[in-house]
Amino acid sequence: MVRPIRFAENAQELLKEMDYYGISEALVYHARQRDDSPVIGNEMLLKEINGFDRLHGTFAILPPQTGELGSLEALLERMRTKNVHAFRAFPAEHKYLMTTTALAPLYDLMVERHVPLFICANESCGGISGWYLIERILSDVPDLTVVVTGHGSWGQDRFFRPLIERYDSLYLDTSRYELDGGISNFCAKYGAARLLFGTSFPDWNPGGPILTLIQADITTQECERIASGNLESILGRVKL
């Protein structure tokens, strides 16, 4: 809705950006999945990534009670055939609650099929999104794989470290983890398995998180796990 300084108009332009930064594959969503309706945005995503094996899609979700996304069986079939392996939630933008009352059927599917849920924890992502919401989701569905994105600069370790210690299924992306020494300290205490490289493109320049990761005081093996190995492991568990 508010265009960033630099963005990719389509999949081809996104691949050019990825090539420039040395990113071989990406888990992606379409801006209209967030700023418009998931019904429209999901379809636009499928059209854009069709034929591009380097781009792996995520479906934006809605409460199943409204019937907007169709049956869960049909949703799974589309994911299976269209290279979609994850869900993404925008509860503030699309006006719904992340409670089991609203999303129990979807939560059950995600846990049974090991489908990860990506959600932004930064207040700027939509007001009601935040660490209170993340803890509520995990306390209701502790076996759900949750990947928190865009959790803000300056380090929010006081928010997420207690959750990391309690919930084994919680992961963090590194797109805004800009705390000096944050990644290395996190890896020293918890290991590298809970961090996933992310860029938050087009809202942020990919160069920042790339520099933060490659300059972190961690081993080459830890860097490789964060850069791709952890996400590949999560997606490898998905059963569609």
C-alpha atoms as a PDB file:
ATOM      1  CA  MET A   1       0.000   0.000   0.000  1.00  0.00           C
ATOM      2  CA  VAL A   2       2.972   2.261   0.702  1.00  0.00           C
ATOM      3  CA  ARG A   3       5.647   1.498  -1.847  1.00  0.00           C
ATOM      4  CA  PRO A   4       9.188   1.075  -0.541  1.00  0.00           C
ATOM      5  CA  ILE A   5      12.092   2.753  -2.262  1.00  0.00           C
ATOM      6  CA  ARG A   6      13.031  -0.458  -4.044  1.00  0.00           C
ATOM      7  CA  PHE A   7      10.798  -3.423  -4.773  1.00  0.00           C
ATOM      8  CA  ALA A   8      10.213  -6.253  -7.231  1.00  0.00           C
ATOM      9  CA  GLU A   9       7.211  -5.773  -9.504  1.00  0.00           C
ATOM     10  CA  ASN A  10       7.111  -9.452 -10.424  1.00  0.00           C
ATOM     11  CA  ALA A  11       8.890 -12.785  -9.966  1.00  0.00           C
ATOM     12  CA  GLN A  12      11.473 -12.070 -12.650  1.00  0.00           C
ATOM     13  CA  GLU A  13      12.533  -8.866 -10.926  1.00  0.00           C
ATOM     14  CA  LEU A  14      12.688 -10.661  -7.586  1.00  0.00           C
ATOM     15  CA  LEU A  15      14.988 -13.288  -9.062  1.00  0.00           C
ATOM     16  CA  LYS A  16      17.255 -10.518 -10.371  1.00  0.00           C
ATOM     17  CA  GLU A  17      17.425  -9.073  -6.852  1.00  0.00           C
ATOM     18  CA  MET A  18      18.198 -12.504  -5.437  1.00  0.00           C
ATOM     19  CA  ASP A  19      20.938 -13.053  -8.009  1.00  0.00           C
ATOM     20  CA  TYR A  20      22.495  -9.696  -7.124  1.00  0.00           C
ATOM     21  CA  TYR A  21      22.690 -10.678  -3.460  1.00  0.00           C
ATOM     22  CA  GLY A  22      23.685 -14.293  -4.075  1.00  0.00           C
ATOM     23  CA  ILE A  23      20.436 -15.800  -2.789  1.00  0.00           C
ATOM     24  CA  SER A  24      19.631 -19.026  -4.625  1.00  0.00           C
ATOM     25  CA  GLU A  25      16.114 -19.790  -3.329  1.00  0.00           C
ATOM     26  CA  ALA A  26      13.503 -17.996  -1.258  1.00  0.00           C
ATOM     27  CA  LEU A  27      10.277 -18.547   0.622  1.00  0.00           C
ATOM     28  CA  VAL A  28       8.031 -15.739  -0.614  1.00  0.00           C
ATOM     29  CA  TYR A  29       4.641 -14.089  -0.353  1.00  0.00           C
ATOM     30  CA  HIS A  30       2.855 -11.430  -2.422  1.00  0.00           C
ATOM     31  CA  ALA A  31       2.269  -7.918  -1.074  1.00  0.00           C
ATOM     32  CA  ARG A  32      -1.431  -8.244  -1.886  1.00  0.00           C
ATOM     33  CA  GLN A  33      -1.682 -11.215   0.448  1.00  0.00           C
ATOM     34  CA  ARG A  34      -1.082  -8.653   3.197  1.00  0.00           C
ATOM     35  CA  ASP A  35      -2.479  -5.394   1.801  1.00  0.00           C
ATOM     36  CA  ASP A  36      -5.461  -6.866  -0.038  1.00  0.00           C
ATOM     37  CA  SER A  37      -7.356 -10.090   0.626  1.00  0.00           C
ATOM     38  CA  PRO A  38      -5.694 -13.494   1.029  1.00  0.00           C
ATOM     39  CA  VAL A  39      -8.237 -14.809  -1.460  1.00  0.00           C
ATOM     40  CA  ILE A  40      -6.878 -12.442  -4.106  1.00  0.00           C
ATOM     41  CA  GLY A  41      -3.291 -12.371  -2.901  1.00  0.00           C
ATOM     42  CA  ASN A  42      -2.899 -16.145  -2.765  1.00  0.00           C
ATOM     43  CA  GLU A  43      -4.002 -16.405  -6.380  1.00  0.00           C
ATOM     44  CA  MET A  44      -1.611 -13.665  -7.460  1.00  0.00           C
ATOM     45  CA  LEU A  45       1.230 -15.408  -5.649  1.00  0.00           C
ATOM     46  CA  LEU A  46       0.524 -18.683  -7.467  1.00  0.00           C
ATOM     47  CA  LYS A  47       0.516 -16.928 -10.832  1.00  0.00           C
ATOM     48  CA  GLU A  48       3.808 -15.183 -10.101  1.00  0.00           C
ATOM     49  CA  ILE A  49       5.789 -18.190  -8.849  1.00  0.00           C
ATOM     50  CA  ASN A  50       4.421 -20.634 -11.414  1.00  0.00           C
ATOM     51  CA  GLY A  51       7.351 -22.103 -13.307  1.00  0.00           C
ATOM     52  CA  PHE A  52      10.007 -20.691 -10.954  1.00  0.00           C
ATOM     53  CA  ASP A  53      11.391 -23.548  -8.878  1.00  0.00           C
ATOM     54  CA  ARG A  54      13.590 -21.165  -6.893  1.00  0.00           C
ATOM     55  CA  LEU A  55      10.539 -19.461  -5.373  1.00  0.00           C
ATOM     56  CA  HIS A  56       8.588 -21.357  -2.722  1.00  0.00           C
ATOM     57  CA  GLY A  57       5.211 -19.930  -1.797  1.00  0.00           C
ATOM     58  CA  THR A  58       3.370 -19.263   1.447  1.00  0.00           C
ATOM     59  CA  PHE A  59      -0.425 -19.021   1.711  1.00  0.00           C
ATOM     60  CA  ALA A  60      -1.990 -16.262   3.799  1.00  0.00           C
ATOM     61  CA  ILE A  61      -4.634 -17.716   6.103  1.00  0.00           C
ATOM     62  CA  LEU A  62      -8.076 -16.710   7.344  1.00  0.00           C
ATOM     63  CA  PRO A  63     -10.449 -18.298   9.860  1.00  0.00           C
ATOM     64  CA  PRO A  64     -12.026 -21.309   8.118  1.00  0.00           C
ATOM     65  CA  GLN A  65     -15.488 -20.421   9.446  1.00  0.00           C
ATOM     66  CA  THR A  66     -15.969 -17.755   6.751  1.00  0.00           C
ATOM     67  CA  GLY A  67     -15.314 -20.254   3.958  1.00  0.00           C
ATOM     68  CA  GLU A  68     -13.206 -17.750   2.014  1.00  0.00           C
ATOM     69  CA  LEU A  69     -10.273 -20.103   1.487  1.00  0.00           C
ATOM     70  CA  GLY A  70     -12.403 -23.159   0.647  1.00  0.00           C
ATOM     71  CA  SER A  71     -12.116 -26.532   2.337  1.00  0.00           C
ATOM     72  CA  LEU A  72      -8.959 -27.631   4.102  1.00  0.00           C
ATOM     73  CA  GLU A  73      -8.717 -30.600   1.746  1.00  0.00           C
ATOM     74  CA  ALA A  74      -8.775 -28.309  -1.287  1.00  0.00           C
ATOM     75  CA  LEU A  75      -6.244 -26.008   0.358  1.00  0.00           C
ATOM     76  CA  LEU A  76      -3.866 -28.905   0.940  1.00  0.00           C
ATOM     77  CA  GLU A  77      -4.252 -30.078  -2.638  1.00  0.00           C
ATOM     78  CA  ARG A  78      -3.366 -26.653  -3.984  1.00  0.00           C
ATOM     79  CA  MET A  79      -0.335 -26.470  -1.723  1.00  0.00           C
ATOM     80  CA  ARG A  80       0.753 -29.910  -2.875  1.00  0.00           C
ATOM     81  CA  THR A  81       0.589 -29.034  -6.565  1.00  0.00           C
ATOM     82  CA  LYS A  82       1.669 -25.369  -6.485  1.00  0.00           C
ATOM     83  CA  ASN A  83       4.958 -25.428  -4.516  1.00  0.00           C
ATOM     84  CA  VAL A  84       3.471 -23.897  -1.352  1.00  0.00           C
ATOM     85  CA  HIS A  85       4.902 -25.223   1.917  1.00  0.00           C
ATOM     86  CA  ALA A  86       4.010 -22.701   4.632  1.00  0.00           C
ATOM     87  CA  PHE A  87       1.329 -20.386   5.991  1.00  0.00           C
ATOM     88  CA  ARG A  88       1.597 -16.719   6.852  1.00  0.00           C
ATOM     89  CA  ALA A  89      -0.751 -14.776   9.130  1.00  0.00           C
ATOM     90  CA  PHE A  90      -1.684 -11.090   9.007  1.00  0.00           C
ATOM     91  CA  PRO A  91      -4.293 -10.965  11.791  1.00  0.00           C
ATOM     92  CA  ALA A  92      -4.363  -7.188  12.259  1.00  0.00           C
ATOM     93  CA  GLU A  93      -4.663  -6.391   8.560  1.00  0.00           C
ATOM     94  CA  HIS A  94      -7.368  -9.003   7.986  1.00  0.00           C
ATOM     95  CA  LYS A  95      -9.233  -8.532  11.273  1.00  0.00           C
ATOM     96  CA  TYR A  96      -9.247 -11.921  12.969  1.00  0.00           C
ATOM     97  CA  LEU A  97      -8.043 -13.520  16.188  1.00  0.00           C
ATOM     98  CA  MET A  98      -5.244 -16.076  16.398  1.00  0.00           C
ATOM     99  CA  THR A  99      -7.108 -18.091  19.053  1.00  0.00           C
ATOM    100  CA  THR A 100      -7.997 -21.764  18.864  1.00  0.00           C
ATOM    101  CA  THR A 101     -11.641 -20.680  18.782  1.00  0.00           C
ATOM    102  CA  ALA A 102     -10.989 -19.078  15.410  1.00  0.00           C
ATOM    103  CA  LEU A 103      -8.237 -21.264  13.966  1.00  0.00           C
ATOM    104  CA  ALA A 104      -8.420 -24.704  15.606  1.00  0.00           C
ATOM    105  CA  PRO A 105      -8.974 -26.616  12.321  1.00  0.00           C
ATOM    106  CA  LEU A 106      -6.023 -24.853  10.699  1.00  0.00           C
ATOM    107  CA  TYR A 107      -3.835 -25.330  13.759  1.00  0.00           C
ATOM    108  CA  ASP A 108      -4.662 -29.038  13.785  1.00  0.00           C
ATOM    109  CA  LEU A 109      -3.710 -29.276  10.116  1.00  0.00           C
ATOM    110  CA  MET A 110      -0.440 -27.395  10.663  1.00  0.00           C
ATOM    111  CA  VAL A 111       0.584 -29.613  13.571  1.00  0.00           C
ATOM    112  CA  GLU A 112      -0.424 -32.856  11.842  1.00  0.00           C
ATOM    113  CA  ARG A 113       1.273 -31.905   8.573  1.00  0.00           C
ATOM    114  CA  HIS A 114       4.199 -29.985  10.124  1.00  0.00           C
ATOM    115  CA  VAL A 115       3.326 -26.858   8.127  1.00  0.00           C
ATOM    116  CA  PRO A 116       5.136 -23.818   9.608  1.00  0.00           C
ATOM    117  CA  LEU A 117       3.368 -20.560  10.392  1.00  0.00           C
ATOM    118  CA  PHE A 118       5.208 -17.287   9.666  1.00  0.00           C
ATOM    119  CA  ILE A 119       4.053 -14.204  11.562  1.00  0.00           C
ATOM    120  CA  CYS A 120       5.507 -10.777  12.265  1.00  0.00           C
ATOM    121  CA  ALA A 121       6.017  -9.852  15.920  1.00  0.00           C
ATOM    122  CA  ASN A 122       6.822  -6.184  15.427  1.00  0.00           C
ATOM    123  CA  GLU A 123       4.078  -3.768  16.480  1.00  0.00           C
ATOM    124  CA  SER A 124       4.567  -1.951  13.174  1.00  0.00           C
ATOM    125  CA  CYS A 125       3.366  -5.084  11.391  1.00  0.00           C
ATOM    126  CA  GLY A 126      -0.185  -4.434  12.423  1.00  0.00           C
ATOM    127  CA  GLY A 127      -0.798  -3.337  15.970  1.00  0.00           C
ATOM    128  CA  ILE A 128      -2.088  -6.477  17.652  1.00  0.00           C
ATOM    129  CA  SER A 129       0.894  -8.511  16.466  1.00  0.00           C
ATOM    130  CA  GLY A 130       3.520  -8.724  19.169  1.00  0.00           C
ATOM    131  CA  TRP A 131       5.143 -11.033  21.632  1.00  0.00           C
ATOM    132  CA  TYR A 132       1.988 -11.338  23.717  1.00  0.00           C
ATOM    133  CA  LEU A 133       0.325 -12.760  20.631  1.00  0.00           C
ATOM    134  CA  ILE A 134       3.229 -15.122  19.925  1.00  0.00           C
ATOM    135  CA  GLU A 135       3.100 -16.476  23.475  1.00  0.00           C
ATOM    136  CA  ARG A 136      -0.672 -16.904  23.234  1.00  0.00           C
ATOM    137  CA  ILE A 137      -0.329 -18.921  20.035  1.00  0.00           C
ATOM    138  CA  LEU A 138       2.395 -21.143  21.454  1.00  0.00           C
ATOM    139  CA  SER A 139       0.645 -21.654  24.781  1.00  0.00           C
ATOM    140  CA  ASP A 140      -2.492 -22.758  22.935  1.00  0.00           C
ATOM    141  CA  VAL A 141      -0.673 -24.888  20.354  1.00  0.00           C
ATOM    142  CA  PRO A 142       2.799 -25.739  21.733  1.00  0.00           C
ATOM    143  CA  ASP A 143       3.580 -28.216  18.932  1.00  0.00           C
ATOM    144  CA  LEU A 144       2.977 -25.646  16.190  1.00  0.00           C
ATOM    145  CA  THR A 145       6.080 -24.592  14.247  1.00  0.00           C
ATOM    146  CA  VAL A 146       6.106 -20.783  14.477  1.00  0.00           C
ATOM    147  CA  VAL A 147       8.629 -18.584  12.685  1.00  0.00           C
ATOM    148  CA  VAL A 148       8.654 -14.995  13.940  1.00  0.00           C
ATOM    149  CA  THR A 149       9.732 -12.436  11.355  1.00  0.00           C
ATOM    150  CA  GLY A 150      10.658  -8.755  11.460  1.00  0.00           C
ATOM    151  CA  HIS A 151      10.960  -8.552  15.224  1.00  0.00           C
ATOM    152  CA  GLY A 152      12.693  -5.225  15.117  1.00  0.00           C
ATOM    153  CA  SER A 153      16.149  -3.746  15.518  1.00  0.00           C
ATOM    154  CA  TRP A 154      18.000  -3.073  18.783  1.00  0.00           C
ATOM    155  CA  GLY A 155      17.393  -6.667  19.849  1.00  0.00           C
ATOM    156  CA  GLN A 156      14.235  -8.006  21.457  1.00  0.00           C
ATOM    157  CA  ASP A 157      15.950 -10.831  23.325  1.00  0.00           C
ATOM    158  CA  ARG A 158      14.158 -10.018  26.576  1.00  0.00           C
ATOM    159  CA  PHE A 159      10.924 -10.825  24.784  1.00  0.00           C
ATOM    160  CA  PHE A 160      11.895 -13.931  22.856  1.00  0.00           C
ATOM    161  CA  ARG A 161      14.564 -15.712  24.896  1.00  0.00           C
ATOM    162  CA  PRO A 162      12.093 -16.858  27.590  1.00  0.00           C
ATOM    163  CA  LEU A 163       9.884 -18.215  24.784  1.00  0.00           C
ATOM    164  CA  ILE A 164      12.834 -19.908  23.064  1.00  0.00           C
ATOM    165  CA  GLU A 165      13.611 -21.730  26.311  1.00  0.00           C
ATOM    166  CA  ARG A 166      10.002 -22.879  26.812  1.00  0.00           C
ATOM    167  CA  TYR A 167       8.889 -23.736  23.266  1.00  0.00           C
ATOM    168  CA  ASP A 168      11.045 -25.982  21.076  1.00  0.00           C
ATOM    169  CA  SER A 169       8.939 -25.208  18.013  1.00  0.00           C
ATOM    170  CA  LEU A 170       9.692 -21.456  17.992  1.00  0.00           C
ATOM    171  CA  TYR A 171      12.109 -20.041  15.403  1.00  0.00           C
ATOM    172  CA  LEU A 172      13.286 -16.501  14.640  1.00  0.00           C
ATOM    173  CA  ASP A 173      14.259 -14.903  11.375  1.00  0.00           C
ATOM    174  CA  THR A 174      17.343 -12.693  11.339  1.00  0.00           C
ATOM    175  CA  SER A 175      16.126  -9.951   9.001  1.00  0.00           C
ATOM    176  CA  ARG A 176      16.021  -7.292  11.746  1.00  0.00           C
ATOM    177  CA  TYR A 177      18.166  -8.960  14.395  1.00  0.00           C
ATOM    178  CA  GLU A 178      20.597  -6.045  14.401  1.00  0.00           C
ATOM    179  CA  LEU A 179      21.820  -6.240  17.982  1.00  0.00           C
ATOM    180  CA  ASP A 180      25.625  -6.028  18.111  1.00  0.00           C
ATOM    181  CA  GLY A 181      26.817  -9.528  18.946  1.00  0.00           C
ATOM    182  CA  GLY A 182      23.235 -10.784  19.142  1.00  0.00           C
ATOM    183  CA  ILE A 183      23.509 -13.692  16.713  1.00  0.00           C
ATOM    184  CA  SER A 184      26.811 -14.936  18.124  1.00  0.00           C
ATOM    185  CA  ASN A 185      25.574 -14.700  21.709  1.00  0.00           C
ATOM    186  CA  PHE A 186      22.338 -16.470  20.817  1.00  0.00           C
ATOM    187  CA  CYS A 187      24.234 -19.283  19.094  1.00  0.00           C
ATOM    188  CA  ALA A 188      26.605 -19.645  22.031  1.00  0.00           C
ATOM    189  CA  LYS A 189      23.698 -20.125  24.420  1.00  0.00           C
ATOM    190  CA  TYR A 190      21.055 -21.896  22.306  1.00  0.00           C
ATOM    191  CA  GLY A 191      22.847 -23.116  19.200  1.00  0.00           C
ATOM    192  CA  ALA A 192      22.139 -22.075  15.624  1.00  0.00           C
ATOM    193  CA  ALA A 193      19.146 -24.331  14.951  1.00  0.00           C
ATOM    194  CA  ARG A 194      16.490 -21.780  15.931  1.00  0.00           C
ATOM    195  CA  LEU A 195      17.548 -18.943  13.612  1.00  0.00           C
ATOM    196  CA  LEU A 196      16.552 -18.545   9.950  1.00  0.00           C
ATOM    197  CA  PHE A 197      18.092 -16.070   7.555  1.00  0.00           C
ATOM    198  CA  GLY A 198      15.546 -13.576   6.235  1.00  0.00           C
ATOM    199  CA  THR A 199      15.669 -10.245   4.427  1.00  0.00           C
ATOM    200  CA  SER A 200      12.261  -8.549   4.959  1.00  0.00           C
ATOM    201  CA  PHE A 201      12.601  -7.410   1.345  1.00  0.00           C
ATOM    202  CA  PRO A 202      11.252  -5.037   0.053  1.00  0.00           C
ATOM    203  CA  ASP A 203      10.705  -3.254   3.365  1.00  0.00           C
ATOM    204  CA  TRP A 204      14.441  -3.536   4.084  1.00  0.00           C
ATOM    205  CA  ASN A 205      17.546  -3.963   1.980  1.00  0.00           C
ATOM    206  CA  PRO A 206      18.852  -7.568   1.922  1.00  0.00           C
ATOM    207  CA  GLY A 207      22.420  -6.335   2.249  1.00  0.00           C
ATOM    208  CA  GLY A 208      21.975  -5.529   5.936  1.00  0.00           C
ATOM    209  CA  PRO A 209      20.946  -8.988   7.172  1.00  0.00           C
ATOM    210  CA  ILE A 210      23.505 -10.612   4.858  1.00  0.00           C
ATOM    211  CA  LEU A 211      26.291  -8.504   6.377  1.00  0.00           C
ATOM    212  CA  THR A 212      25.012  -9.142   9.902  1.00  0.00           C
ATOM    213  CA  LEU A 213      25.083 -12.900   9.361  1.00  0.00           C
ATOM    214  CA  ILE A 214      28.407 -13.294   7.552  1.00  0.00           C
ATOM    215  CA  GLN A 215      30.184 -11.009  10.041  1.00  0.00           C
ATOM    216  CA  ALA A 216      28.741 -12.746  13.125  1.00  0.00           C
ATOM    217  CA  ASP A 217      31.304 -14.429  15.352  1.00  0.00           C
ATOM    218  CA  ILE A 218      30.027 -17.956  14.684  1.00  0.00           C
ATOM    219  CA  THR A 219      31.369 -21.025  12.907  1.00  0.00           C
ATOM    220  CA  THR A 220      30.983 -21.649   9.186  1.00  0.00           C
ATOM    221  CA  GLN A 221      28.685 -24.567   9.994  1.00  0.00           C
ATOM    222  CA  GLU A 222      26.460 -22.356  12.158  1.00  0.00           C
ATOM    223  CA  CYS A 223      26.355 -19.702   9.432  1.00  0.00           C
ATOM    224  CA  GLU A 224      25.315 -22.282   6.838  1.00  0.00           C
ATOM    225  CA  ARG A 225      22.582 -23.643   9.101  1.00  0.00           C
ATOM    226  CA  ILE A 226      21.130 -20.177   9.586  1.00  0.00           C
ATOM    227  CA  ALA A 227      21.549 -19.215   5.929  1.00  0.00           C
ATOM    228  CA  SER A 228      19.635 -22.198   4.538  1.00  0.00           C
ATOM    229  CA  GLY A 229      19.949 -25.447   6.447  1.00  0.00           C
ATOM    230  CA  ASN A 230      17.389 -24.714   9.163  1.00  0.00           C
ATOM    231  CA  LEU A 231      14.696 -23.601   6.732  1.00  0.00           C
ATOM    232  CA  GLU A 232      15.380 -26.603   4.492  1.00  0.00           C
ATOM    233  CA  SER A 233      14.966 -28.840   7.540  1.00  0.00           C
ATOM    234  CA  ILE A 234      11.646 -27.224   8.493  1.00  0.00           C
ATOM    235  CA  LEU A 235      10.253 -27.447   4.959  1.00  0.00           C
ATOM    236  CA  GLY A 236      11.561 -30.996   4.619  1.00  0.00           C
ATOM    237  CA  ARG A 237       9.235 -32.070   7.444  1.00  0.00           C
ATOM    238  CA  VAL A 238       6.110 -30.739   5.729  1.00  0.00           C
ATOM    239  CA  LYS A 239       3.702 -33.502   4.709  1.00  0.00           C
ATOM    240  CA  LEU A 240       1.202 -32.397   2.102  1.00  0.00           C
END
